[in-house]
PDB file of N, CA and C in Angstrom:
ATOM      1  N   MET A   1      25.072  18.881  85.414  1.00  0.00           N
ATOM      2  CA  MET A   1      26.115  18.113  86.066  1.00  0.00           C
ATOM      3  C   MET A   1      27.335  18.128  85.146  1.00  0.00           C
ATOM      4  N   LEU A   2      28.492  18.145  85.793  1.00  0.00           N
ATOM      5  CA  LEU A   2      29.766  18.124  85.080  1.00  0.00           C
ATOM      6  C   LEU A   2      30.662  17.111  85.769  1.00  0.00           C
ATOM      7  N   GLY A   3      31.275  16.248  84.994  1.00  0.00           N
ATOM      8  CA  GLY A   3      32.216  15.275  85.552  1.00  0.00           C
ATOM      9  C   GLY A   3      33.594  15.478  84.956  1.00  0.00           C
ATOM     10  N   ILE A   4      34.604  15.402  85.784  1.00  0.00           N
ATOM     11  CA  ILE A   4      35.991  15.512  85.328  1.00  0.00           C
ATOM     12  C   ILE A   4      36.689  14.211  85.685  1.00  0.00           C
ATOM     13  N   GLU A   5      37.170  13.515  84.650  1.00  0.00           N
ATOM     14  CA  GLU A   5      37.853  12.241  84.863  1.00  0.00           C
ATOM     15  C   GLU A   5      39.358  12.470  84.903  1.00  0.00           C
ATOM     16  N   PHE A   6      39.990  11.932  85.925  1.00  0.00           N
ATOM     17  CA  PHE A   6      41.437  12.021  86.068  1.00  0.00           C
ATOM     18  C   PHE A   6      42.057  10.708  85.619  1.00  0.00           C
ATOM     19  N   SER A   7      43.210  10.822  84.970  1.00  0.00           N
ATOM     20  CA  SER A   7      43.940   9.632  84.532  1.00  0.00           C
ATOM     21  C   SER A   7      45.399   9.797  84.935  1.00  0.00           C
ATOM     22  N   PRO A   8      46.169   8.719  84.876  1.00  0.00           N
ATOM     23  CA  PRO A   8      47.577   8.826  85.283  1.00  0.00           C
ATOM     24  C   PRO A   8      48.311   9.896  84.479  1.00  0.00           C
ATOM     25  N   PRO A   9      49.161  10.679  85.130  1.00  0.00           N
ATOM     26  CA  PRO A   9      49.928  11.714  84.435  1.00  0.00           C
ATOM     27  C   PRO A   9      50.918  11.092  83.452  1.00  0.00           C
ATOM     28  N   LYS A  10      51.404  11.912  82.542  1.00  0.00           N
ATOM     29  CA  LYS A  10      52.360  11.426  81.545  1.00  0.00           C
ATOM     30  C   LYS A  10      53.799  11.481  82.033  1.00  0.00           C
ATOM     31  N   SER A  11      54.130  12.445  82.877  1.00  0.00           N
ATOM     32  CA  SER A  11      55.516  12.550  83.346  1.00  0.00           C
ATOM     33  C   SER A  11      55.821  11.413  84.316  1.00  0.00           C
ATOM     34  N   LEU A  12      57.030  10.903  84.256  1.00  0.00           N
ATOM     35  CA  LEU A  12      57.415   9.767  85.091  1.00  0.00           C
ATOM     36  C   LEU A  12      57.329  10.090  86.573  1.00  0.00           C
ATOM     37  N   LYS A  13      57.766  11.298  86.938  1.00  0.00           N
ATOM     38  CA  LYS A  13      57.757  11.693  88.353  1.00  0.00           C
ATOM     39  C   LYS A  13      56.329  11.732  88.909  1.00  0.00           C
ATOM     40  N   LEU A  14      55.429  12.363  88.178  1.00  0.00           N
ATOM     41  CA  LEU A  14      54.043  12.445  88.638  1.00  0.00           C
ATOM     42  C   LEU A  14      53.350  11.088  88.572  1.00  0.00           C
ATOM     43  N   LYS A  15      53.706  10.290  87.570  1.00  0.00           N
ATOM     44  CA  LYS A  15      53.099   8.965  87.440  1.00  0.00           C
ATOM     45  C   LYS A  15      53.441   8.080  88.638  1.00  0.00           C
ATOM     46  N   ALA A  16      54.672   8.221  89.148  1.00  0.00           N
ATOM     47  CA  ALA A  16      55.074   7.442  90.326  1.00  0.00           C
ATOM     48  C   ALA A  16      54.231   7.835  91.539  1.00  0.00           C
ATOM     49  N   GLY A  17      54.011   9.133  91.730  1.00  0.00           N
ATOM     50  CA  GLY A  17      53.166   9.597  92.832  1.00  0.00           C
ATOM     51  C   GLY A  17      51.735   9.107  92.685  1.00  0.00           C
ATOM     52  N   TRP A  18      51.223   9.147  91.449  1.00  0.00           N
ATOM     53  CA  TRP A  18      49.867   8.660  91.164  1.00  0.00           C
ATOM     54  C   TRP A  18      49.741   7.192  91.558  1.00  0.00           C
ATOM     55  N   ARG A  19      50.714   6.377  91.130  1.00  0.00           N
ATOM     56  CA  ARG A  19      50.667   4.944  91.430  1.00  0.00           C
ATOM     57  C   ARG A  19      50.687   4.691  92.932  1.00  0.00           C
ATOM     58  N   ASN A  20      51.506   5.455  93.645  1.00  0.00           N
ATOM     59  CA  ASN A  20      51.574   5.279  95.103  1.00  0.00           C
ATOM     60  C   ASN A  20      50.235   5.589  95.765  1.00  0.00           C
ATOM     61  N   VAL A  21      49.595   6.659  95.329  1.00  0.00           N
ATOM     62  CA  VAL A  21      48.295   7.031  95.897  1.00  0.00           C
ATOM     63  C   VAL A  21      47.243   5.987  95.532  1.00  0.00           C
ATOM     64  N   GLU A  22      47.231   5.550  94.286  1.00  0.00           N
ATOM     65  CA  GLU A  22      46.223   4.591  93.829  1.00  0.00           C
ATOM     66  C   GLU A  22      46.427   3.195  94.423  1.00  0.00           C
ATOM     67  N   ARG A  23      47.649   2.902  94.884  1.00  0.00           N
ATOM     68  CA  ARG A  23      47.887   1.609  95.543  1.00  0.00           C
ATOM     69  C   ARG A  23      47.118   1.507  96.857  1.00  0.00           C
ATOM     70  N   VAL A  24      46.943   2.629  97.513  1.00  0.00           N
ATOM     71  CA  VAL A  24      46.194   2.634  98.773  1.00  0.00           C
ATOM     72  C   VAL A  24      44.776   2.124  98.518  1.00  0.00           C
ATOM     73  N   LYS A  25      44.129   2.689  97.515  1.00  0.00           N
ATOM     74  CA  LYS A  25      42.771   2.276  97.135  1.00  0.00           C
ATOM     75  C   LYS A  25      42.481   2.862  95.767  1.00  0.00           C
ATOM     76  N   LYS A  26      41.989   2.047  94.858  1.00  0.00           N
ATOM     77  CA  LYS A  26      41.662   2.537  93.524  1.00  0.00           C
ATOM     78  C   LYS A  26      40.599   3.625  93.630  1.00  0.00           C
ATOM     79  N   GLY A  27      40.848   4.728  92.943  1.00  0.00           N
ATOM     80  CA  GLY A  27      39.914   5.842  92.954  1.00  0.00           C
ATOM     81  C   GLY A  27      40.148   6.838  94.073  1.00  0.00           C
ATOM     82  N   ILE A  28      41.181   6.636  94.870  1.00  0.00           N
ATOM     83  CA  ILE A  28      41.418   7.520  96.023  1.00  0.00           C
ATOM     84  C   ILE A  28      41.867   8.915  95.584  1.00  0.00           C
ATOM     85  N   PHE A  29      42.493   9.025  94.418  1.00  0.00           N
ATOM     86  CA  PHE A  29      42.950  10.337  93.960  1.00  0.00           C
ATOM     87  C   PHE A  29      41.778  11.309  93.849  1.00  0.00           C
ATOM     88  N   ALA A  30      40.692  10.859  93.240  1.00  0.00           N
ATOM     89  CA  ALA A  30      39.520  11.731  93.107  1.00  0.00           C
ATOM     90  C   ALA A  30      38.973  12.125  94.474  1.00  0.00           C
ATOM     91  N   GLN A  31      38.998  11.197  95.407  1.00  0.00           N
ATOM     92  CA  GLN A  31      38.518  11.503  96.756  1.00  0.00           C
ATOM     93  C   GLN A  31      39.395  12.565  97.418  1.00  0.00           C
ATOM     94  N   LEU A  32      40.700  12.488  97.190  1.00  0.00           N
ATOM     95  CA  LEU A  32      41.606  13.502  97.740  1.00  0.00           C
ATOM     96  C   LEU A  32      41.312  14.877  97.141  1.00  0.00           C
ATOM     97  N   ILE A  33      41.009  14.918  95.853  1.00  0.00           N
ATOM     98  CA  ILE A  33      40.648  16.183  95.202  1.00  0.00           C
ATOM     99  C   ILE A  33      39.373  16.741  95.844  1.00  0.00           C
ATOM    100  N   VAL A  34      38.370  15.897  96.018  1.00  0.00           N
ATOM    101  CA  VAL A  34      37.099  16.311  96.630  1.00  0.00           C
ATOM    102  C   VAL A  34      37.328  16.850  98.039  1.00  0.00           C
ATOM    103  N   MET A  35      38.144  16.147  98.817  1.00  0.00           N
ATOM    104  CA  MET A  35      38.410  16.581 100.197  1.00  0.00           C
ATOM    105  C   MET A  35      39.097  17.944 100.232  1.00  0.00           C
ATOM    106  N   GLU A  36      40.078  18.151  99.362  1.00  0.00           N
ATOM    107  CA  GLU A  36      40.784  19.432  99.349  1.00  0.00           C
ATOM    108  C   GLU A  36      39.886  20.563  98.853  1.00  0.00           C
ATOM    109  N   LEU A  37      39.024  20.294  97.876  1.00  0.00           N
ATOM    110  CA  LEU A  37      38.094  21.325  97.410  1.00  0.00           C
ATOM    111  C   LEU A  37      37.182  21.779  98.545  1.00  0.00           C
ATOM    112  N   MET A  38      36.756  20.851  99.376  1.00  0.00           N
ATOM    113  CA  MET A  38      35.894  21.211 100.507  1.00  0.00           C
ATOM    114  C   MET A  38      36.693  21.906 101.607  1.00  0.00           C
ATOM    115  N   ARG A  39      37.823  21.327 101.975  1.00  0.00           N
ATOM    116  CA  ARG A  39      38.601  21.844 103.098  1.00  0.00           C
ATOM    117  C   ARG A  39      39.179  23.226 102.801  1.00  0.00           C
ATOM    118  N   GLU A  40      39.747  23.386 101.636  1.00  0.00           N
ATOM    119  CA  GLU A  40      40.427  24.644 101.304  1.00  0.00           C
ATOM    120  C   GLU A  40      39.480  25.719 100.765  1.00  0.00           C
ATOM    121  N   HIS A  41      38.452  25.310 100.018  1.00  0.00           N
ATOM    122  CA  HIS A  41      37.642  26.279  99.274  1.00  0.00           C
ATOM    123  C   HIS A  41      36.148  26.214  99.580  1.00  0.00           C
ATOM    124  N   ARG A  42      35.759  25.294 100.483  1.00  0.00           N
ATOM    125  CA  ARG A  42      34.345  25.118 100.843  1.00  0.00           C
ATOM    126  C   ARG A  42      33.482  24.881  99.599  1.00  0.00           C
ATOM    127  N   LEU A  43      34.033  24.109  98.669  1.00  0.00           N
ATOM    128  CA  LEU A  43      33.337  23.776  97.437  1.00  0.00           C
ATOM    129  C   LEU A  43      32.885  22.321  97.532  1.00  0.00           C
ATOM    130  N   LEU A  44      31.585  22.113  97.515  1.00  0.00           N
ATOM    131  CA  LEU A  44      31.020  20.780  97.680  1.00  0.00           C
ATOM    132  C   LEU A  44      30.973  20.069  96.329  1.00  0.00           C
ATOM    133  N   THR A  45      31.754  19.000  96.214  1.00  0.00           N
ATOM    134  CA  THR A  45      31.776  18.158  95.019  1.00  0.00           C
ATOM    135  C   THR A  45      31.619  16.721  95.478  1.00  0.00           C
ATOM    136  N   GLN A  46      31.685  15.795  94.530  1.00  0.00           N
ATOM    137  CA  GLN A  46      31.435  14.403  94.876  1.00  0.00           C
ATOM    138  C   GLN A  46      32.208  13.500  93.925  1.00  0.00           C
ATOM    139  N   VAL A  47      32.664  12.356  94.434  1.00  0.00           N
ATOM    140  CA  VAL A  47      33.232  11.332  93.568  1.00  0.00           C
ATOM    141  C   VAL A  47      32.053  10.626  92.917  1.00  0.00           C
ATOM    142  N   SER A  48      32.155  10.349  91.617  1.00  0.00           N
ATOM    143  CA  SER A  48      30.985   9.834  90.895  1.00  0.00           C
ATOM    144  C   SER A  48      30.595   8.414  91.275  1.00  0.00           C
ATOM    145  N   ALA A  49      31.560   7.579  91.645  1.00  0.00           N
ATOM    146  CA  ALA A  49      31.258   6.193  92.021  1.00  0.00           C
ATOM    147  C   ALA A  49      32.449   5.616  92.764  1.00  0.00           C
ATOM    148  N   HIS A  50      32.256   4.465  93.353  1.00  0.00           N
ATOM    149  CA  HIS A  50      33.321   3.799  94.096  1.00  0.00           C
ATOM    150  C   HIS A  50      34.398   3.289  93.135  1.00  0.00           C
ATOM    151  N   GLY A  51      35.654   3.624  93.429  1.00  0.00           N
ATOM    152  CA  GLY A  51      36.774   3.092  92.667  1.00  0.00           C
ATOM    153  C   GLY A  51      37.033   3.744  91.328  1.00  0.00           C
ATOM    154  N   VAL A  52      36.482   4.915  91.075  1.00  0.00           N
ATOM    155  CA  VAL A  52      36.749   5.626  89.819  1.00  0.00           C
ATOM    156  C   VAL A  52      37.307   7.006  90.132  1.00  0.00           C
ATOM    157  N   ASP A  53      38.073   7.535  89.202  1.00  0.00           N
ATOM    158  CA  ASP A  53      38.694   8.847  89.393  1.00  0.00           C
ATOM    159  C   ASP A  53      37.933   9.921  88.622  1.00  0.00           C
ATOM    160  N   ILE A  54      36.667  10.086  88.961  1.00  0.00           N
ATOM    161  CA  ILE A  54      35.822  11.110  88.346  1.00  0.00           C
ATOM    162  C   ILE A  54      35.233  11.966  89.458  1.00  0.00           C
ATOM    163  N   VAL A  55      35.456  13.276  89.345  1.00  0.00           N
ATOM    164  CA  VAL A  55      34.893  14.232  90.299  1.00  0.00           C
ATOM    165  C   VAL A  55      33.666  14.857  89.649  1.00  0.00           C
ATOM    166  N   LYS A  56      32.576  14.888  90.401  1.00  0.00           N
ATOM    167  CA  LYS A  56      31.295  15.362  89.898  1.00  0.00           C
ATOM    168  C   LYS A  56      30.960  16.723  90.514  1.00  0.00           C
ATOM    169  N   PHE A  57      30.592  17.656  89.658  1.00  0.00           N
ATOM    170  CA  PHE A  57      30.125  18.977  90.078  1.00  0.00           C
ATOM    171  C   PHE A  57      28.629  19.052  89.772  1.00  0.00           C
ATOM    172  N   LEU A  58      27.851  19.491  90.737  1.00  0.00           N
ATOM    173  CA  LEU A  58      26.411  19.647  90.556  1.00  0.00           C
ATOM    174  C   LEU A  58      26.020  21.082  90.911  1.00  0.00           C
ATOM    175  N   PRO A  59      26.257  22.017  89.993  1.00  0.00           N
ATOM    176  CA  PRO A  59      25.926  23.415  90.299  1.00  0.00           C
ATOM    177  C   PRO A  59      24.411  23.616  90.330  1.00  0.00           C
ATOM    178  N   PRO A  60      23.970  24.682  90.980  1.00  0.00           N
ATOM    179  CA  PRO A  60      22.535  24.976  90.974  1.00  0.00           C
ATOM    180  C   PRO A  60      22.068  25.322  89.555  1.00  0.00           C
ATOM    181  N   LEU A  61      20.768  25.289  89.337  1.00  0.00           N
ATOM    182  CA  LEU A  61      20.246  25.609  88.006  1.00  0.00           C
ATOM    183  C   LEU A  61      20.573  27.039  87.598  1.00  0.00           C
ATOM    184  N   VAL A  62      20.620  27.930  88.566  1.00  0.00           N
ATOM    185  CA  VAL A  62      20.971  29.321  88.294  1.00  0.00           C
ATOM    186  C   VAL A  62      22.322  29.581  88.939  1.00  0.00           C
ATOM    187  N   VAL A  63      23.334  29.772  88.112  1.00  0.00           N
ATOM    188  CA  VAL A  63      24.684  30.006  88.614  1.00  0.00           C
ATOM    189  C   VAL A  63      25.295  31.151  87.812  1.00  0.00           C
ATOM    190  N   GLY A  64      25.991  32.036  88.509  1.00  0.00           N
ATOM    191  CA  GLY A  64      26.584  33.188  87.855  1.00  0.00           C
ATOM    192  C   GLY A  64      28.036  32.953  87.478  1.00  0.00           C
ATOM    193  N   GLU A  65      28.552  33.857  86.679  1.00  0.00           N
ATOM    194  CA  GLU A  65      29.949  33.761  86.246  1.00  0.00           C
ATOM    195  C   GLU A  65      30.910  33.811  87.429  1.00  0.00           C
ATOM    196  N   GLU A  66      30.575  34.586  88.444  1.00  0.00           N
ATOM    197  CA  GLU A  66      31.440  34.698  89.617  1.00  0.00           C
ATOM    198  C   GLU A  66      31.601  33.342  90.317  1.00  0.00           C
ATOM    199  N   GLU A  67      30.507  32.625  90.462  1.00  0.00           N
ATOM    200  CA  GLU A  67      30.567  31.306  91.097  1.00  0.00           C
ATOM    201  C   GLU A  67      31.332  30.299  90.238  1.00  0.00           C
ATOM    202  N   ILE A  68      31.123  30.356  88.924  1.00  0.00           N
ATOM    203  CA  ILE A  68      31.848  29.463  88.013  1.00  0.00           C
ATOM    204  C   ILE A  68      33.340  29.751  88.073  1.00  0.00           C
ATOM    205  N   ASP A  69      33.707  31.030  88.051  1.00  0.00           N
ATOM    206  CA  ASP A  69      35.125  31.406  88.142  1.00  0.00           C
ATOM    207  C   ASP A  69      35.736  30.922  89.450  1.00  0.00           C
ATOM    208  N   TYR A  70      34.990  31.064  90.543  1.00  0.00           N
ATOM    209  CA  TYR A  70      35.489  30.605  91.843  1.00  0.00           C
ATOM    210  C   TYR A  70      35.761  29.101  91.821  1.00  0.00           C
ATOM    211  N   ALA A  71      34.827  28.333  91.275  1.00  0.00           N
ATOM    212  CA  ALA A  71      34.990  26.876  91.213  1.00  0.00           C
ATOM    213  C   ALA A  71      36.188  26.496  90.349  1.00  0.00           C
ATOM    214  N   LEU A  72      36.363  27.162  89.220  1.00  0.00           N
ATOM    215  CA  LEU A  72      37.497  26.859  88.335  1.00  0.00           C
ATOM    216  C   LEU A  72      38.829  27.209  88.989  1.00  0.00           C
ATOM    217  N   GLU A  73      38.879  28.351  89.674  1.00  0.00           N
ATOM    218  CA  GLU A  73      40.110  28.737  90.372  1.00  0.00           C
ATOM    219  C   GLU A  73      40.422  27.762  91.504  1.00  0.00           C
ATOM    220  N   ALA A  74      39.407  27.322  92.213  1.00  0.00           N
ATOM    221  CA  ALA A  74      39.609  26.352  93.297  1.00  0.00           C
ATOM    222  C   ALA A  74      40.132  25.035  92.742  1.00  0.00           C
ATOM    223  N   LEU A  75      39.541  24.560  91.664  1.00  0.00           N
ATOM    224  CA  LEU A  75      39.989  23.312  91.043  1.00  0.00           C
ATOM    225  C   LEU A  75      41.422  23.446  90.539  1.00  0.00           C
ATOM    226  N   ASP A  76      41.734  24.564  89.916  1.00  0.00           N
ATOM    227  CA  ASP A  76      43.098  24.803  89.436  1.00  0.00           C
ATOM    228  C   ASP A  76      44.094  24.788  90.594  1.00  0.00           C
ATOM    229  N   HIS A  77      43.732  25.412  91.706  1.00  0.00           N
ATOM    230  CA  HIS A  77      44.614  25.451  92.873  1.00  0.00           C
ATOM    231  C   HIS A  77      44.862  24.051  93.427  1.00  0.00           C
ATOM    232  N   VAL A  78      43.806  23.262  93.568  1.00  0.00           N
ATOM    233  CA  VAL A  78      43.940  21.920  94.136  1.00  0.00           C
ATOM    234  C   VAL A  78      44.754  21.020  93.207  1.00  0.00           C
ATOM    235  N   ILE A  79      44.521  21.117  91.912  1.00  0.00           N
ATOM    236  CA  ILE A  79      45.291  20.299  90.967  1.00  0.00           C
ATOM    237  C   ILE A  79      46.752  20.733  90.951  1.00  0.00           C
ATOM    238  N   SER A  80      47.008  22.028  91.055  1.00  0.00           N
ATOM    239  CA  SER A  80      48.398  22.509  91.130  1.00  0.00           C
ATOM    240  C   SER A  80      49.101  21.953  92.356  1.00  0.00           C
ATOM    241  N   GLU A  81      48.392  21.921  93.479  1.00  0.00           N
ATOM    242  CA  GLU A  81      48.968  21.337  94.692  1.00  0.00           C
ATOM    243  C   GLU A  81      49.226  19.844  94.510  1.00  0.00           C
ATOM    244  N   ALA A  82      48.337  19.162  93.817  1.00  0.00           N
ATOM    245  CA  ALA A  82      48.517  17.727  93.573  1.00  0.00           C
ATOM    246  C   ALA A  82      49.754  17.477  92.716  1.00  0.00           C
ATOM    247  N   HIS A  83      50.076  18.388  91.814  1.00  0.00           N
ATOM    248  CA  HIS A  83      51.278  18.247  90.982  1.00  0.00           C
ATOM    249  C   HIS A  83      52.546  18.337  91.806  1.00  0.00           C
ATOM    250  N   ARG A  84      52.477  18.961  92.956  1.00  0.00           N
ATOM    251  CA  ARG A  84      53.661  19.083  93.820  1.00  0.00           C
ATOM    252  C   ARG A  84      53.830  17.882  94.734  1.00  0.00           C
ATOM    253  N   PHE A  85      52.849  17.004  94.794  1.00  0.00           N
ATOM    254  CA  PHE A  85      52.922  15.800  95.615  1.00  0.00           C
ATOM    255  C   PHE A  85      53.818  14.788  94.904  1.00  0.00           C
ATOM    256  N   PRO A  86      54.698  14.023  95.517  1.00  0.00           N
ATOM    257  CA  PRO A  86      54.833  13.849  96.944  1.00  0.00           C
ATOM    258  C   PRO A  86      55.828  14.781  97.595  1.00  0.00           C
ATOM    259  N   GLU A  87      56.760  15.397  96.846  1.00  0.00           N
ATOM    260  CA  GLU A  87      57.797  16.137  97.569  1.00  0.00           C
ATOM    261  C   GLU A  87      57.464  17.596  97.795  1.00  0.00           C
ATOM    262  N   GLY A  88      56.518  18.173  97.117  1.00  0.00           N
ATOM    263  CA  GLY A  88      56.142  19.576  97.222  1.00  0.00           C
ATOM    264  C   GLY A  88      56.235  20.186  98.595  1.00  0.00           C
ATOM    265  N   SER A  89      55.167  20.777  99.037  1.00  0.00           N
ATOM    266  CA  SER A  89      55.170  21.435 100.340  1.00  0.00           C
ATOM    267  C   SER A  89      54.990  20.440 101.478  1.00  0.00           C
ATOM    268  N   GLY A  90      54.660  19.217 101.144  1.00  0.00           N
ATOM    269  CA  GLY A  90      54.415  18.217 102.178  1.00  0.00           C
ATOM    270  C   GLY A  90      53.032  18.333 102.786  1.00  0.00           C
ATOM    271  N   ALA A  91      52.246  19.281 102.310  1.00  0.00           N
ATOM    272  CA  ALA A  91      50.936  19.512 102.899  1.00  0.00           C
ATOM    273  C   ALA A  91      49.819  18.767 102.176  1.00  0.00           C
ATOM    274  N   TRP A  92      50.098  18.205 101.012  1.00  0.00           N
ATOM    275  CA  TRP A  92      49.042  17.531 100.255  1.00  0.00           C
ATOM    276  C   TRP A  92      49.414  16.095 100.045  1.00  0.00           C
ATOM    277  N   PRO A  93      48.622  15.124 100.291  1.00  0.00           N
ATOM    278  CA  PRO A  93      47.337  15.209 100.966  1.00  0.00           C
ATOM    279  C   PRO A  93      47.505  15.289 102.471  1.00  0.00           C
ATOM    280  N   ARG A  94      46.693  16.073 103.107  1.00  0.00           N
ATOM    281  CA  ARG A  94      46.792  16.247 104.551  1.00  0.00           C
ATOM    282  C   ARG A  94      46.265  15.017 105.281  1.00  0.00           C
ATOM    283  N   GLY A  95      46.811  14.782 106.448  1.00  0.00           N
ATOM    284  CA  GLY A  95      46.312  13.711 107.285  1.00  0.00           C
ATOM    285  C   GLY A  95      46.880  12.342 106.976  1.00  0.00           C
ATOM    286  N   TRP A  96      47.834  12.262 106.061  1.00  0.00           N
ATOM    287  CA  TRP A  96      48.431  10.964 105.738  1.00  0.00           C
ATOM    288  C   TRP A  96      49.732  10.816 106.432  1.00  0.00           C
TER     289      TRP A  96
END
């Protein structure tokens, strides 16, 4: 198992977006990451607990480099999209 904990960004612009998202519900940022990983990349992950910003990865016992690379690229893509929120493409988070 691997857990990645997210914390408020250091830049003022990103920190403002973080605060706006977290005002909706504490821990919602991690849930948005999980939703985008599934929707965009069909990568099944999980939020570790209610109200925390930790995304949990549970890879199979036997996993190859190709699968690990795919997961890392997917995570990088989703986090890059999150950096463009709120003014970026307007597509992240979807459904809001």
